[in-house]
Amino acid sequence: EALRDALGRFEPRLGRIYVGGLRVLE
């Protein structure tokens, strides 16, 4: 969660891409 938020602070789509890559594995 902290990494997602940190990526999002750099650029919002970075956090979304990261979580999307994790979500598809579910």
mmCIF file of all heavy atoms, coordinates in Angstrom:
data_MODEL
# 
_entry.id   MODEL 
# 
loop_
_atom_site.group_PDB 
_atom_site.id 
_atom_site.type_symbol 
_atom_site.label_atom_id 
_atom_site.label_alt_id 
_atom_site.label_comp_id 
_atom_site.label_asym_id 
_atom_site.label_entity_id 
_atom_site.label_seq_id 
_atom_site.pdbx_PDB_ins_code 
_atom_site.Cartn_x 
_atom_site.Cartn_y 
_atom_site.Cartn_z 
_atom_site.occupancy 
_atom_site.B_iso_or_equiv 
_atom_site.pdbx_formal_charge 
_atom_site.auth_seq_id 
_atom_site.auth_comp_id 
_atom_site.auth_asym_id 
_atom_site.auth_atom_id 
_atom_site.pdbx_PDB_model_num 
ATOM 1   N N   . GLU A 1 1  ? 0.831   -1.196  0.000   1.00 0.00 ? 1  GLU A N   1 
ATOM 2   C CA  . GLU A 1 1  ? 0.000   0.000   0.000   1.00 0.00 ? 1  GLU A CA  1 
ATOM 3   C C   . GLU A 1 1  ? 0.873   1.257   0.000   1.00 0.00 ? 1  GLU A C   1 
ATOM 4   O O   . GLU A 1 1  ? 0.587   2.227   -0.707  1.00 0.00 ? 1  GLU A O   1 
ATOM 5   C CB  . GLU A 1 1  ? -0.924  0.006   1.213   1.00 0.00 ? 1  GLU A CB  1 
ATOM 6   C CG  . GLU A 1 1  ? -2.030  -1.042  1.144   1.00 0.00 ? 1  GLU A CG  1 
ATOM 7   C CD  . GLU A 1 1  ? -2.921  -1.020  2.377   1.00 0.00 ? 1  GLU A CD  1 
ATOM 8   O OE1 . GLU A 1 1  ? -2.507  -0.376  3.373   1.00 0.00 ? 1  GLU A OE1 1 
ATOM 9   O OE2 . GLU A 1 1  ? -4.002  -1.628  2.343   1.00 0.00 ? 1  GLU A OE2 1 
ATOM 10  N N   . ALA A 1 2  ? 1.937   1.227   0.802   1.00 0.00 ? 2  ALA A N   1 
ATOM 11  C CA  . ALA A 1 2  ? 2.836   2.377   0.858   1.00 0.00 ? 2  ALA A CA  1 
ATOM 12  C C   . ALA A 1 2  ? 3.540   2.585   -0.477  1.00 0.00 ? 2  ALA A C   1 
ATOM 13  O O   . ALA A 1 2  ? 3.714   3.724   -0.932  1.00 0.00 ? 2  ALA A O   1 
ATOM 14  C CB  . ALA A 1 2  ? 3.863   2.174   1.975   1.00 0.00 ? 2  ALA A CB  1 
ATOM 15  N N   . LEU A 1 3  ? 3.929   1.468   -1.129  1.00 0.00 ? 3  LEU A N   1 
ATOM 16  C CA  . LEU A 1 3  ? 4.586   1.579   -2.424  1.00 0.00 ? 3  LEU A CA  1 
ATOM 17  C C   . LEU A 1 3  ? 3.617   2.112   -3.469  1.00 0.00 ? 3  LEU A C   1 
ATOM 18  O O   . LEU A 1 3  ? 3.974   2.960   -4.292  1.00 0.00 ? 3  LEU A O   1 
ATOM 19  C CB  . LEU A 1 3  ? 5.124   0.208   -2.854  1.00 0.00 ? 3  LEU A CB  1 
ATOM 20  C CG  . LEU A 1 3  ? 5.809   0.136   -4.231  1.00 0.00 ? 3  LEU A CG  1 
ATOM 21  C CD1 . LEU A 1 3  ? 6.959   1.136   -4.320  1.00 0.00 ? 3  LEU A CD1 1 
ATOM 22  C CD2 . LEU A 1 3  ? 6.299   -1.278  -4.511  1.00 0.00 ? 3  LEU A CD2 1 
ATOM 23  N N   . ARG A 1 4  ? 2.384   1.621   -3.442  1.00 0.00 ? 4  ARG A N   1 
ATOM 24  C CA  . ARG A 1 4  ? 1.361   2.125   -4.359  1.00 0.00 ? 4  ARG A CA  1 
ATOM 25  C C   . ARG A 1 4  ? 1.183   3.633   -4.202  1.00 0.00 ? 4  ARG A C   1 
ATOM 26  O O   . ARG A 1 4  ? 1.130   4.380   -5.194  1.00 0.00 ? 4  ARG A O   1 
ATOM 27  C CB  . ARG A 1 4  ? 0.039   1.418   -4.081  1.00 0.00 ? 4  ARG A CB  1 
ATOM 28  C CG  . ARG A 1 4  ? -1.159  1.949   -4.882  1.00 0.00 ? 4  ARG A CG  1 
ATOM 29  C CD  . ARG A 1 4  ? -2.453  1.615   -4.190  1.00 0.00 ? 4  ARG A CD  1 
ATOM 30  N NE  . ARG A 1 4  ? -2.527  2.188   -2.845  1.00 0.00 ? 4  ARG A NE  1 
ATOM 31  C CZ  . ARG A 1 4  ? -3.379  1.793   -1.911  1.00 0.00 ? 4  ARG A CZ  1 
ATOM 32  N NH1 . ARG A 1 4  ? -4.231  0.816   -2.155  1.00 0.00 ? 4  ARG A NH1 1 
ATOM 33  N NH2 . ARG A 1 4  ? -3.380  2.366   -0.721  1.00 0.00 ? 4  ARG A NH2 1 
ATOM 34  N N   . ASP A 1 5  ? 1.110   4.091   -2.956  1.00 0.00 ? 5  ASP A N   1 
ATOM 35  C CA  . ASP A 1 5  ? 0.905   5.511   -2.702  1.00 0.00 ? 5  ASP A CA  1 
ATOM 36  C C   . ASP A 1 5  ? 2.125   6.326   -3.141  1.00 0.00 ? 5  ASP A C   1 
ATOM 37  O O   . ASP A 1 5  ? 1.983   7.431   -3.677  1.00 0.00 ? 5  ASP A O   1 
ATOM 38  C CB  . ASP A 1 5  ? 0.627   5.748   -1.219  1.00 0.00 ? 5  ASP A CB  1 
ATOM 39  C CG  . ASP A 1 5  ? -0.692  5.119   -0.772  1.00 0.00 ? 5  ASP A CG  1 
ATOM 40  O OD1 . ASP A 1 5  ? -1.524  4.813   -1.650  1.00 0.00 ? 5  ASP A OD1 1 
ATOM 41  O OD2 . ASP A 1 5  ? -0.868  4.909   0.447   1.00 0.00 ? 5  ASP A OD2 1 
ATOM 42  N N   . ALA A 1 6  ? 3.324   5.776   -2.896  1.00 0.00 ? 6  ALA A N   1 
ATOM 43  C CA  . ALA A 1 6  ? 4.543   6.484   -3.289  1.00 0.00 ? 6  ALA A CA  1 
ATOM 44  C C   . ALA A 1 6  ? 4.629   6.612   -4.806  1.00 0.00 ? 6  ALA A C   1 
ATOM 45  O O   . ALA A 1 6  ? 4.999   7.661   -5.336  1.00 0.00 ? 6  ALA A O   1 
ATOM 46  C CB  . ALA A 1 6  ? 5.770   5.756   -2.741  1.00 0.00 ? 6  ALA A CB  1 
ATOM 47  N N   . LEU A 1 7  ? 4.282   5.536   -5.512  1.00 0.00 ? 7  LEU A N   1 
ATOM 48  C CA  . LEU A 1 7  ? 4.276   5.589   -6.976  1.00 0.00 ? 7  LEU A CA  1 
ATOM 49  C C   . LEU A 1 7  ? 3.241   6.597   -7.466  1.00 0.00 ? 7  LEU A C   1 
ATOM 50  O O   . LEU A 1 7  ? 3.486   7.346   -8.415  1.00 0.00 ? 7  LEU A O   1 
ATOM 51  C CB  . LEU A 1 7  ? 3.975   4.204   -7.549  1.00 0.00 ? 7  LEU A CB  1 
ATOM 52  C CG  . LEU A 1 7  ? 5.068   3.151   -7.388  1.00 0.00 ? 7  LEU A CG  1 
ATOM 53  C CD1 . LEU A 1 7  ? 4.521   1.762   -7.737  1.00 0.00 ? 7  LEU A CD1 1 
ATOM 54  C CD2 . LEU A 1 7  ? 6.269   3.481   -8.276  1.00 0.00 ? 7  LEU A CD2 1 
ATOM 55  N N   . GLY A 1 8  ? 2.086   6.605   -6.813  1.00 0.00 ? 8  GLY A N   1 
ATOM 56  C CA  . GLY A 1 8  ? 1.031   7.533   -7.200  1.00 0.00 ? 8  GLY A CA  1 
ATOM 57  C C   . GLY A 1 8  ? 1.418   8.982   -7.004  1.00 0.00 ? 8  GLY A C   1 
ATOM 58  O O   . GLY A 1 8  ? 0.948   9.857   -7.733  1.00 0.00 ? 8  GLY A O   1 
ATOM 59  N N   . ARG A 1 9  ? 2.274   9.252   -6.017  1.00 0.00 ? 9  ARG A N   1 
ATOM 60  C CA  . ARG A 1 9  ? 2.714   10.624  -5.804  1.00 0.00 ? 9  ARG A CA  1 
ATOM 61  C C   . ARG A 1 9  ? 3.625   11.094  -6.929  1.00 0.00 ? 9  ARG A C   1 
ATOM 62  O O   . ARG A 1 9  ? 3.637   12.280  -7.267  1.00 0.00 ? 9  ARG A O   1 
ATOM 63  C CB  . ARG A 1 9  ? 3.427   10.749  -4.448  1.00 0.00 ? 9  ARG A CB  1 
ATOM 64  C CG  . ARG A 1 9  ? 2.468   10.765  -3.259  1.00 0.00 ? 9  ARG A CG  1 
ATOM 65  C CD  . ARG A 1 9  ? 3.159   11.170  -1.986  1.00 0.00 ? 9  ARG A CD  1 
ATOM 66  N NE  . ARG A 1 9  ? 4.121   10.183  -1.529  1.00 0.00 ? 9  ARG A NE  1 
ATOM 67  C CZ  . ARG A 1 9  ? 3.824   9.153   -0.749  1.00 0.00 ? 9  ARG A CZ  1 
ATOM 68  N NH1 . ARG A 1 9  ? 2.572   8.975   -0.347  1.00 0.00 ? 9  ARG A NH1 1 
ATOM 69  N NH2 . ARG A 1 9  ? 4.750   8.302   -0.360  1.00 0.00 ? 9  ARG A NH2 1 
ATOM 70  N N   . PHE A 1 10 ? 4.397   10.177  -7.500  1.00 0.00 ? 10 PHE A N   1 
ATOM 71  C CA  . PHE A 1 10 ? 5.210   10.535  -8.656  1.00 0.00 ? 10 PHE A CA  1 
ATOM 72  C C   . PHE A 1 10 ? 4.321   10.808  -9.861  1.00 0.00 ? 10 PHE A C   1 
ATOM 73  O O   . PHE A 1 10 ? 4.483   11.802  -10.572 1.00 0.00 ? 10 PHE A O   1 
ATOM 74  C CB  . PHE A 1 10 ? 6.203   9.406   -8.992  1.00 0.00 ? 10 PHE A CB  1 
ATOM 75  C CG  . PHE A 1 10 ? 7.518   9.536   -8.303  1.00 0.00 ? 10 PHE A CG  1 
ATOM 76  C CD1 . PHE A 1 10 ? 7.801   8.786   -7.177  1.00 0.00 ? 10 PHE A CD1 1 
ATOM 77  C CD2 . PHE A 1 10 ? 8.473   10.413  -8.766  1.00 0.00 ? 10 PHE A CD2 1 
ATOM 78  C CE1 . PHE A 1 10 ? 9.015   8.909   -6.530  1.00 0.00 ? 10 PHE A CE1 1 
ATOM 79  C CE2 . PHE A 1 10 ? 9.693   10.542  -8.137  1.00 0.00 ? 10 PHE A CE2 1 
ATOM 80  C CZ  . PHE A 1 10 ? 9.964   9.793   -7.002  1.00 0.00 ? 10 PHE A CZ  1 
ATOM 81  N N   . GLU A 1 11 ? 3.379   9.906   -10.080 1.00 0.00 ? 11 GLU A N   1 
ATOM 82  C CA  . GLU A 1 11 ? 2.459   10.033  -11.199 1.00 0.00 ? 11 GLU A CA  1 
ATOM 83  C C   . GLU A 1 11 ? 1.280   9.098   -10.912 1.00 0.00 ? 11 GLU A C   1 
ATOM 84  O O   . GLU A 1 11 ? 1.490   7.905   -10.678 1.00 0.00 ? 11 GLU A O   1 
ATOM 85  C CB  . GLU A 1 11 ? 3.157   9.638   -12.508 1.00 0.00 ? 11 GLU A CB  1 
ATOM 86  C CG  . GLU A 1 11 ? 2.414   10.061  -13.745 1.00 0.00 ? 11 GLU A CG  1 
ATOM 87  C CD  . GLU A 1 11 ? 3.233   9.851   -15.010 1.00 0.00 ? 11 GLU A CD  1 
ATOM 88  O OE1 . GLU A 1 11 ? 4.481   9.882   -14.931 1.00 0.00 ? 11 GLU A OE1 1 
ATOM 89  O OE2 . GLU A 1 11 ? 2.619   9.629   -16.063 1.00 0.00 ? 11 GLU A OE2 1 
ATOM 90  N N   . PRO A 1 12 ? 0.066   9.602   -10.908 1.00 0.00 ? 12 PRO A N   1 
ATOM 91  C CA  . PRO A 1 12 ? -1.087  8.783   -10.498 1.00 0.00 ? 12 PRO A CA  1 
ATOM 92  C C   . PRO A 1 12 ? -1.190  7.441   -11.215 1.00 0.00 ? 12 PRO A C   1 
ATOM 93  O O   . PRO A 1 12 ? -1.532  6.437   -10.582 1.00 0.00 ? 12 PRO A O   1 
ATOM 94  C CB  . PRO A 1 12 ? -2.281  9.685   -10.819 1.00 0.00 ? 12 PRO A CB  1 
ATOM 95  C CG  . PRO A 1 12 ? -1.739  11.072  -10.700 1.00 0.00 ? 12 PRO A CG  1 
ATOM 96  C CD  . PRO A 1 12 ? -0.321  10.987  -11.202 1.00 0.00 ? 12 PRO A CD  1 
ATOM 97  N N   . ARG A 1 13 ? -0.892  7.403   -12.503 1.00 0.00 ? 13 ARG A N   1 
ATOM 98  C CA  . ARG A 1 13 ? -1.071  6.145   -13.228 1.00 0.00 ? 13 ARG A CA  1 
ATOM 99  C C   . ARG A 1 13 ? -0.084  5.071   -12.786 1.00 0.00 ? 13 ARG A C   1 
ATOM 100 O O   . ARG A 1 13 ? -0.332  3.886   -12.984 1.00 0.00 ? 13 ARG A O   1 
ATOM 101 C CB  . ARG A 1 13 ? -0.943  6.361   -14.735 1.00 0.00 ? 13 ARG A CB  1 
ATOM 102 C CG  . ARG A 1 13 ? 0.409   6.873   -15.199 1.00 0.00 ? 13 ARG A CG  1 
ATOM 103 C CD  . ARG A 1 13 ? 0.469   6.986   -16.703 1.00 0.00 ? 13 ARG A CD  1 
ATOM 104 N NE  . ARG A 1 13 ? 1.711   7.586   -17.144 1.00 0.00 ? 13 ARG A NE  1 
ATOM 105 C CZ  . ARG A 1 13 ? 2.096   7.671   -18.417 1.00 0.00 ? 13 ARG A CZ  1 
ATOM 106 N NH1 . ARG A 1 13 ? 1.320   7.183   -19.356 1.00 0.00 ? 13 ARG A NH1 1 
ATOM 107 N NH2 . ARG A 1 13 ? 3.233   8.230   -18.752 1.00 0.00 ? 13 ARG A NH2 1 
ATOM 108 N N   . LEU A 1 14 ? 1.041   5.452   -12.195 1.00 0.00 ? 14 LEU A N   1 
ATOM 109 C CA  . LEU A 1 14 ? 2.021   4.455   -11.772 1.00 0.00 ? 14 LEU A CA  1 
ATOM 110 C C   . LEU A 1 14 ? 1.440   3.550   -10.696 1.00 0.00 ? 14 LEU A C   1 
ATOM 111 O O   . LEU A 1 14 ? 1.625   2.324   -10.723 1.00 0.00 ? 14 LEU A O   1 
ATOM 112 C CB  . LEU A 1 14 ? 3.294   5.134   -11.262 1.00 0.00 ? 14 LEU A CB  1 
ATOM 113 C CG  . LEU A 1 14 ? 4.095   5.947   -12.275 1.00 0.00 ? 14 LEU A CG  1 
ATOM 114 C CD1 . LEU A 1 14 ? 5.344   6.529   -11.622 1.00 0.00 ? 14 LEU A CD1 1 
ATOM 115 C CD2 . LEU A 1 14 ? 4.476   5.102   -13.481 1.00 0.00 ? 14 LEU A CD2 1 
ATOM 116 N N   . GLY A 1 15 ? 0.743   4.133   -9.736  1.00 0.00 ? 15 GLY A N   1 
ATOM 117 C CA  . GLY A 1 15 ? 0.112   3.328   -8.701  1.00 0.00 ? 15 GLY A CA  1 
ATOM 118 C C   . GLY A 1 15 ? -0.962  2.414   -9.272  1.00 0.00 ? 15 GLY A C   1 
ATOM 119 O O   . GLY A 1 15 ? -1.098  1.261   -8.847  1.00 0.00 ? 15 GLY A O   1 
ATOM 120 N N   . ARG A 1 16 ? -1.713  2.911   -10.249 1.00 0.00 ? 16 ARG A N   1 
ATOM 121 C CA  . ARG A 1 16 ? -2.764  2.097   -10.864 1.00 0.00 ? 16 ARG A CA  1 
ATOM 122 C C   . ARG A 1 16 ? -2.176  0.931   -11.653 1.00 0.00 ? 16 ARG A C   1 
ATOM 123 O O   . ARG A 1 16 ? -2.703  -0.189  -11.608 1.00 0.00 ? 16 ARG A O   1 
ATOM 124 C CB  . ARG A 1 16 ? -3.634  2.968   -11.778 1.00 0.00 ? 16 ARG A CB  1 
ATOM 125 C CG  . ARG A 1 16 ? -4.409  4.053   -11.051 1.00 0.00 ? 16 ARG A CG  1 
ATOM 126 C CD  . ARG A 1 16 ? -5.508  4.621   -11.939 1.00 0.00 ? 16 ARG A CD  1 
ATOM 127 N NE  . ARG A 1 16 ? -4.981  5.229   -13.151 1.00 0.00 ? 16 ARG A NE  1 
ATOM 128 C CZ  . ARG A 1 16 ? -4.678  6.513   -13.253 1.00 0.00 ? 16 ARG A CZ  1 
ATOM 129 N NH1 . ARG A 1 16 ? -4.840  7.319   -12.227 1.00 0.00 ? 16 ARG A NH1 1 
ATOM 130 N NH2 . ARG A 1 16 ? -4.230  7.005   -14.398 1.00 0.00 ? 16 ARG A NH2 1 
ATOM 131 N N   . ILE A 1 17 ? -1.101  1.181   -12.380 1.00 0.00 ? 17 ILE A N   1 
ATOM 132 C CA  . ILE A 1 17 ? -0.462  0.111   -13.156 1.00 0.00 ? 17 ILE A CA  1 
ATOM 133 C C   . ILE A 1 17 ? 0.045   -0.983  -12.221 1.00 0.00 ? 17 ILE A C   1 
ATOM 134 O O   . ILE A 1 17 ? -0.117  -2.179  -12.485 1.00 0.00 ? 17 ILE A O   1 
ATOM 135 C CB  . ILE A 1 17 ? 0.692   0.675   -14.010 1.00 0.00 ? 17 ILE A CB  1 
ATOM 136 C CG1 . ILE A 1 17 ? 0.142   1.610   -15.099 1.00 0.00 ? 17 ILE A CG1 1 
ATOM 137 C CG2 . ILE A 1 17 ? 1.493   -0.459  -14.660 1.00 0.00 ? 17 ILE A CG2 1 
ATOM 138 C CD1 . ILE A 1 17 ? 1.219   2.346   -15.864 1.00 0.00 ? 17 ILE A CD1 1 
ATOM 139 N N   . TYR A 1 18 ? 0.659   -0.566  -11.126 1.00 0.00 ? 18 TYR A N   1 
ATOM 140 C CA  . TYR A 1 18 ? 1.200   -1.520  -10.153 1.00 0.00 ? 18 TYR A CA  1 
ATOM 141 C C   . TYR A 1 18 ? 0.103   -2.398  -9.566  1.00 0.00 ? 18 TYR A C   1 
ATOM 142 O O   . TYR A 1 18 ? 0.204   -3.637  -9.569  1.00 0.00 ? 18 TYR A O   1 
ATOM 143 C CB  . TYR A 1 18 ? 1.934   -0.741  -9.054  1.00 0.00 ? 18 TYR A CB  1 
ATOM 144 C CG  . TYR A 1 18 ? 2.308   -1.547  -7.844  1.00 0.00 ? 18 TYR A CG  1 
ATOM 145 C CD1 . TYR A 1 18 ? 3.091   -2.700  -7.950  1.00 0.00 ? 18 TYR A CD1 1 
ATOM 146 C CD2 . TYR A 1 18 ? 1.881   -1.155  -6.572  1.00 0.00 ? 18 TYR A CD2 1 
ATOM 147 C CE1 . TYR A 1 18 ? 3.432   -3.434  -6.827  1.00 0.00 ? 18 TYR A CE1 1 
ATOM 148 C CE2 . TYR A 1 18 ? 2.224   -1.875  -5.448  1.00 0.00 ? 18 TYR A CE2 1 
ATOM 149 C CZ  . TYR A 1 18 ? 2.998   -3.022  -5.579  1.00 0.00 ? 18 TYR A CZ  1 
ATOM 150 O OH  . TYR A 1 18 ? 3.341   -3.751  -4.463  1.00 0.00 ? 18 TYR A OH  1 
ATOM 151 N N   . VAL A 1 19 ? -0.971  -1.772  -9.081  1.00 0.00 ? 19 VAL A N   1 
ATOM 152 C CA  . VAL A 1 19 ? -2.060  -2.543  -8.486  1.00 0.00 ? 19 VAL A CA  1 
ATOM 153 C C   . VAL A 1 19 ? -2.746  -3.402  -9.540  1.00 0.00 ? 19 VAL A C   1 
ATOM 154 O O   . VAL A 1 19 ? -3.157  -4.537  -9.260  1.00 0.00 ? 19 VAL A O   1 
ATOM 155 C CB  . VAL A 1 19 ? -3.078  -1.601  -7.805  1.00 0.00 ? 19 VAL A CB  1 
ATOM 156 C CG1 . VAL A 1 19 ? -4.287  -2.383  -7.322  1.00 0.00 ? 19 VAL A CG1 1 
ATOM 157 C CG2 . VAL A 1 19 ? -2.421  -0.881  -6.633  1.00 0.00 ? 19 VAL A CG2 1 
ATOM 158 N N   . GLY A 1 20 ? -2.861  -2.904  -10.759 1.00 0.00 ? 20 GLY A N   1 
ATOM 159 C CA  . GLY A 1 20 ? -3.460  -3.702  -11.831 1.00 0.00 ? 20 GLY A CA  1 
ATOM 160 C C   . GLY A 1 20 ? -2.682  -4.972  -12.095 1.00 0.00 ? 20 GLY A C   1 
ATOM 161 O O   . GLY A 1 20 ? -3.266  -6.034  -12.340 1.00 0.00 ? 20 GLY A O   1 
ATOM 162 N N   . GLY A 1 21 ? -1.340  -4.872  -12.036 1.00 0.00 ? 21 GLY A N   1 
ATOM 163 C CA  . GLY A 1 21 ? -0.521  -6.059  -12.233 1.00 0.00 ? 21 GLY A CA  1 
ATOM 164 C C   . GLY A 1 21 ? -0.690  -7.081  -11.139 1.00 0.00 ? 21 GLY A C   1 
ATOM 165 O O   . GLY A 1 21 ? -0.550  -8.290  -11.364 1.00 0.00 ? 21 GLY A O   1 
ATOM 166 N N   . LEU A 1 22 ? -0.979  -6.619  -9.921  1.00 0.00 ? 22 LEU A N   1 
ATOM 167 C CA  . LEU A 1 22 ? -1.239  -7.532  -8.808  1.00 0.00 ? 22 LEU A CA  1 
ATOM 168 C C   . LEU A 1 22 ? -2.654  -8.101  -8.891  1.00 0.00 ? 22 LEU A C   1 
ATOM 169 O O   . LEU A 1 22 ? -2.876  -9.282  -8.616  1.00 0.00 ? 22 LEU A O   1 
ATOM 170 C CB  . LEU A 1 22 ? -1.063  -6.797  -7.476  1.00 0.00 ? 22 LEU A CB  1 
ATOM 171 C CG  . LEU A 1 22 ? 0.332   -6.255  -7.163  1.00 0.00 ? 22 LEU A CG  1 
ATOM 172 C CD1 . LEU A 1 22 ? 0.313   -5.487  -5.850  1.00 0.00 ? 22 LEU A CD1 1 
ATOM 173 C CD2 . LEU A 1 22 ? 1.366   -7.379  -7.110  1.00 0.00 ? 22 LEU A CD2 1 
ATOM 174 N N   . ARG A 1 23 ? -3.580  -7.278  -9.288  1.00 0.00 ? 23 ARG A N   1 
ATOM 175 C CA  . ARG A 1 23 ? -4.981  -7.683  -9.288  1.00 0.00 ? 23 ARG A CA  1 
ATOM 176 C C   . ARG A 1 23 ? -5.249  -8.809  -10.282 1.00 0.00 ? 23 ARG A C   1 
ATOM 177 O O   . ARG A 1 23 ? -6.031  -9.722  -9.991  1.00 0.00 ? 23 ARG A O   1 
ATOM 178 C CB  . ARG A 1 23 ? -5.866  -6.481  -9.620  1.00 0.00 ? 23 ARG A CB  1 
ATOM 179 C CG  . ARG A 1 23 ? -7.352  -6.805  -9.631  1.00 0.00 ? 23 ARG A CG  1 
ATOM 180 C CD  . ARG A 1 23 ? -8.194  -5.558  -9.654  1.00 0.00 ? 23 ARG A CD  1 
ATOM 181 N NE  . ARG A 1 23 ? -9.611  -5.875  -9.562  1.00 0.00 ? 23 ARG A NE  1 
ATOM 182 C CZ  . ARG A 1 23 ? -10.568 -4.986  -9.362  1.00 0.00 ? 23 ARG A CZ  1 
ATOM 183 N NH1 . ARG A 1 23 ? -10.257 -3.707  -9.215  1.00 0.00 ? 23 ARG A NH1 1 
ATOM 184 N NH2 . ARG A 1 23 ? -11.834 -5.347  -9.292  1.00 0.00 ? 23 ARG A NH2 1 
ATOM 185 N N   . VAL A 1 24 ? -4.633  -8.764  -11.435 1.00 0.00 ? 24 VAL A N   1 
ATOM 186 C CA  . VAL A 1 24 ? -4.909  -9.792  -12.446 1.00 0.00 ? 24 VAL A CA  1 
ATOM 187 C C   . VAL A 1 24 ? -4.488  -11.172 -11.956 1.00 0.00 ? 24 VAL A C   1 
ATOM 188 O O   . VAL A 1 24 ? -5.027  -12.187 -12.395 1.00 0.00 ? 24 VAL A O   1 
ATOM 189 C CB  . VAL A 1 24 ? -4.201  -9.432  -13.783 1.00 0.00 ? 24 VAL A CB  1 
ATOM 190 C CG1 . VAL A 1 24 ? -2.693  -9.631  -13.673 1.00 0.00 ? 24 VAL A CG1 1 
ATOM 191 C CG2 . VAL A 1 24 ? -4.764  -10.253 -14.933 1.00 0.00 ? 24 VAL A CG2 1 
ATOM 192 N N   . LEU A 1 25 ? -3.552  -11.230 -11.014 1.00 0.00 ? 25 LEU A N   1 
ATOM 193 C CA  . LEU A 1 25 ? -3.107  -12.519 -10.486 1.00 0.00 ? 25 LEU A CA  1 
ATOM 194 C C   . LEU A 1 25 ? -4.121  -13.152 -9.545  1.00 0.00 ? 25 LEU A C   1 
ATOM 195 O O   . LEU A 1 25 ? -3.965  -14.310 -9.159  1.00 0.00 ? 25 LEU A O   1 
ATOM 196 C CB  . LEU A 1 25 ? -1.766  -12.355 -9.758  1.00 0.00 ? 25 LEU A CB  1 
ATOM 197 C CG  . LEU A 1 25 ? -0.558  -12.049 -10.647 1.00 0.00 ? 25 LEU A CG  1 
ATOM 198 C CD1 . LEU A 1 25 ? 0.704   -11.925 -9.814  1.00 0.00 ? 25 LEU A CD1 1 
ATOM 199 C CD2 . LEU A 1 25 ? -0.374  -13.129 -11.707 1.00 0.00 ? 25 LEU A CD2 1 
ATOM 200 N N   . GLU A 1 26 ? -5.142  -12.396 -9.169  1.00 0.00 ? 26 GLU A N   1 
ATOM 201 C CA  . GLU A 1 26 ? -6.181  -12.944 -8.306  1.00 0.00 ? 26 GLU A CA  1 
ATOM 202 C C   . GLU A 1 26 ? -7.229  -13.733 -9.086  1.00 0.00 ? 26 GLU A C   1 
ATOM 203 O O   . GLU A 1 26 ? -8.090  -14.377 -8.498  1.00 0.00 ? 26 GLU A O   1 
ATOM 204 C CB  . GLU A 1 26 ? -6.865  -11.806 -7.542  1.00 0.00 ? 26 GLU A CB  1 
ATOM 205 C CG  . GLU A 1 26 ? -5.927  -10.981 -6.680  1.00 0.00 ? 26 GLU A CG  1 
ATOM 206 C CD  . GLU A 1 26 ? -5.256  -11.808 -5.605  1.00 0.00 ? 26 GLU A CD  1 
ATOM 207 O OE1 . GLU A 1 26 ? -5.952  -12.618 -4.966  1.00 0.00 ? 26 GLU A OE1 1 
ATOM 208 O OE2 . GLU A 1 26 ? -4.033  -11.658 -5.408  1.00 0.00 ? 26 GLU A OE2 1 
# 
